[in-house]
Amino acid sequence: MRVCLCNDLSAEAVEGALVAGASRVAEVFRGHGCAPVCGRCIEAIRTMLDRAREDEEE
């Protein structure tokens, strides 16, 4: 599934950034050498970050 169409970032790419230590949306983009363009994906990435934090707390 594509999370960011502007930068062609898949859910797997975002998850990879989280595993690599990204804890903020900007770090996900930076880790892939890009930046948000239209911003529609930001909420989806935030949700993925929140879920990753919840999983760590369990």
N, C-alpha and C. Protein backbone atom coordinates (compact mmCIF):
# COMPACT_ATOMS: atom_id res chain seq x y z
N MET A 1 0.84 -1.18 0.00
CA MET A 1 0.00 0.00 0.00
C MET A 1 0.89 1.25 0.00
N ARG A 2 0.53 2.21 -0.80
CA ARG A 2 1.24 3.48 -0.86
C ARG A 2 0.70 4.41 0.22
N VAL A 3 1.58 4.91 1.05
CA VAL A 3 1.20 5.87 2.09
C VAL A 3 1.36 7.28 1.55
N CYS A 4 2.44 7.52 0.84
CA CYS A 4 2.71 8.84 0.27
C CYS A 4 2.86 8.70 -1.24
N LEU A 5 1.86 9.19 -1.96
CA LEU A 5 1.91 9.12 -3.41
C LEU A 5 2.92 10.09 -4.00
N CYS A 6 3.06 11.26 -3.41
CA CYS A 6 3.98 12.27 -3.94
C CYS A 6 5.43 11.77 -3.95
N ASN A 7 5.79 11.04 -2.90
CA ASN A 7 7.17 10.56 -2.78
C ASN A 7 7.28 9.05 -3.00
N ASP A 8 6.18 8.41 -3.37
CA ASP A 8 6.13 6.98 -3.64
C ASP A 8 6.65 6.16 -2.45
N LEU A 9 6.16 6.51 -1.25
CA LEU A 9 6.54 5.77 -0.05
C LEU A 9 5.46 4.74 0.28
N SER A 10 5.88 3.51 0.39
CA SER A 10 4.96 2.43 0.74
C SER A 10 4.85 2.32 2.26
N ALA A 11 3.86 1.57 2.70
CA ALA A 11 3.71 1.30 4.14
C ALA A 11 4.96 0.58 4.64
N GLU A 12 5.50 -0.31 3.83
CA GLU A 12 6.71 -1.04 4.22
C GLU A 12 7.90 -0.09 4.39
N ALA A 13 8.00 0.91 3.52
CA ALA A 13 9.08 1.89 3.63
C ALA A 13 8.95 2.70 4.92
N VAL A 14 7.72 3.09 5.24
CA VAL A 14 7.49 3.84 6.48
C VAL A 14 7.80 2.96 7.68
N GLU A 15 7.34 1.73 7.67
CA GLU A 15 7.63 0.81 8.77
C GLU A 15 9.13 0.58 8.92
N GLY A 16 9.84 0.51 7.81
CA GLY A 16 11.30 0.38 7.87
C GLY A 16 11.95 1.56 8.55
N ALA A 17 11.43 2.76 8.28
CA ALA A 17 11.96 3.96 8.94
C ALA A 17 11.69 3.91 10.44
N LEU A 18 10.53 3.39 10.82
CA LEU A 18 10.19 3.29 12.24
C LEU A 18 11.13 2.30 12.93
N VAL A 19 11.38 1.18 12.28
CA VAL A 19 12.30 0.18 12.84
C VAL A 19 13.70 0.77 12.97
N ALA A 20 14.06 1.63 12.03
CA ALA A 20 15.38 2.27 12.05
C ALA A 20 15.48 3.38 13.10
N GLY A 21 14.36 3.69 13.77
CA GLY A 21 14.41 4.65 14.86
C GLY A 21 13.67 5.96 14.64
N ALA A 22 13.00 6.12 13.51
CA ALA A 22 12.24 7.36 13.29
C ALA A 22 11.14 7.46 14.33
N SER A 23 11.01 8.63 14.94
CA SER A 23 9.97 8.83 15.93
C SER A 23 9.09 10.04 15.61
N ARG A 24 9.39 10.70 14.50
CA ARG A 24 8.61 11.86 14.05
C ARG A 24 8.39 11.73 12.55
N VAL A 25 7.33 12.34 12.06
CA VAL A 25 7.02 12.28 10.64
C VAL A 25 8.19 12.80 9.81
N ALA A 26 8.77 13.90 10.23
CA ALA A 26 9.90 14.48 9.48
C ALA A 26 11.06 13.50 9.36
N GLU A 27 11.27 12.70 10.38
CA GLU A 27 12.36 11.73 10.36
C GLU A 27 12.09 10.61 9.35
N VAL A 28 10.82 10.26 9.18
CA VAL A 28 10.46 9.25 8.18
C VAL A 28 10.84 9.78 6.79
N PHE A 29 10.43 11.01 6.50
CA PHE A 29 10.76 11.60 5.20
C PHE A 29 12.27 11.76 5.03
N ARG A 30 12.91 12.31 6.03
CA ARG A 30 14.35 12.53 5.96
C ARG A 30 15.10 11.22 5.71
N GLY A 31 14.65 10.16 6.34
CA GLY A 31 15.28 8.87 6.17
C GLY A 31 15.19 8.33 4.75
N HIS A 32 14.25 8.86 3.99
CA HIS A 32 14.10 8.44 2.60
C HIS A 32 14.55 9.54 1.64
N GLY A 33 15.17 10.57 2.17
CA GLY A 33 15.71 11.64 1.33
C GLY A 33 14.65 12.46 0.62
N CYS A 34 13.51 12.65 1.29
CA CYS A 34 12.44 13.43 0.68
C CYS A 34 11.76 14.29 1.74
N ALA A 35 10.75 15.00 1.32
CA ALA A 35 9.99 15.87 2.21
C ALA A 35 8.52 15.81 1.80
N PRO A 36 7.61 16.12 2.72
CA PRO A 36 6.20 16.12 2.35
C PRO A 36 5.93 17.14 1.24
N VAL A 37 5.03 16.80 0.34
CA VAL A 37 4.68 17.70 -0.75
C VAL A 37 3.27 18.23 -0.52
N CYS A 38 2.26 17.38 -0.64
CA CYS A 38 0.89 17.85 -0.48
C CYS A 38 0.41 17.74 0.97
N GLY A 39 1.01 16.84 1.75
CA GLY A 39 0.68 16.70 3.17
C GLY A 39 -0.44 15.74 3.49
N ARG A 40 -1.08 15.14 2.49
CA ARG A 40 -2.20 14.23 2.76
C ARG A 40 -1.76 12.97 3.50
N CYS A 41 -0.51 12.60 3.42
CA CYS A 41 -0.03 11.36 4.04
C CYS A 41 0.39 11.54 5.50
N ILE A 42 0.52 12.76 5.95
CA ILE A 42 1.07 13.03 7.28
C ILE A 42 0.26 12.36 8.38
N GLU A 43 -1.05 12.42 8.30
CA GLU A 43 -1.89 11.81 9.33
C GLU A 43 -1.72 10.29 9.35
N ALA A 44 -1.61 9.69 8.18
CA ALA A 44 -1.40 8.23 8.11
C ALA A 44 -0.07 7.84 8.73
N ILE A 45 0.96 8.63 8.47
CA ILE A 45 2.27 8.34 9.05
C ILE A 45 2.24 8.54 10.55
N ARG A 46 1.56 9.58 11.02
CA ARG A 46 1.41 9.79 12.47
C ARG A 46 0.72 8.61 13.12
N THR A 47 -0.31 8.09 12.47
CA THR A 47 -1.03 6.93 13.00
C THR A 47 -0.08 5.74 13.10
N MET A 48 0.73 5.54 12.09
CA MET A 48 1.69 4.43 12.12
C MET A 48 2.71 4.62 13.26
N LEU A 49 3.15 5.87 13.47
CA LEU A 49 4.07 6.16 14.57
C LEU A 49 3.42 5.86 15.91
N ASP A 50 2.17 6.30 16.07
CA ASP A 50 1.45 6.06 17.33
C ASP A 50 1.30 4.57 17.60
N ARG A 51 0.95 3.81 16.57
CA ARG A 51 0.80 2.36 16.75
C ARG A 51 2.13 1.71 17.12
N ALA A 52 3.20 2.17 16.51
CA ALA A 52 4.51 1.61 16.84
C ALA A 52 4.86 1.90 18.29
N ARG A 53 4.54 3.10 18.76
CA ARG A 53 4.80 3.44 20.17
C ARG A 53 3.98 2.56 21.10
N GLU A 54 2.70 2.35 20.75
CA GLU A 54 1.83 1.52 21.56
C GLU A 54 2.38 0.08 21.62
N ASP A 55 2.85 -0.42 20.50
CA ASP A 55 3.42 -1.77 20.47
C ASP A 55 4.66 -1.89 21.35
N GLU A 56 5.46 -0.83 21.38
CA GLU A 56 6.67 -0.83 22.22
C GLU A 56 6.29 -0.84 23.69
N GLU A 57 5.20 -0.18 24.05
CA GLU A 57 4.79 -0.09 25.45
C GLU A 57 4.21 -1.41 25.97
N GLU A 58 3.75 -2.25 25.08
CA GLU A 58 3.14 -3.52 25.51
C GLU A 58 4.14 -4.53 25.90
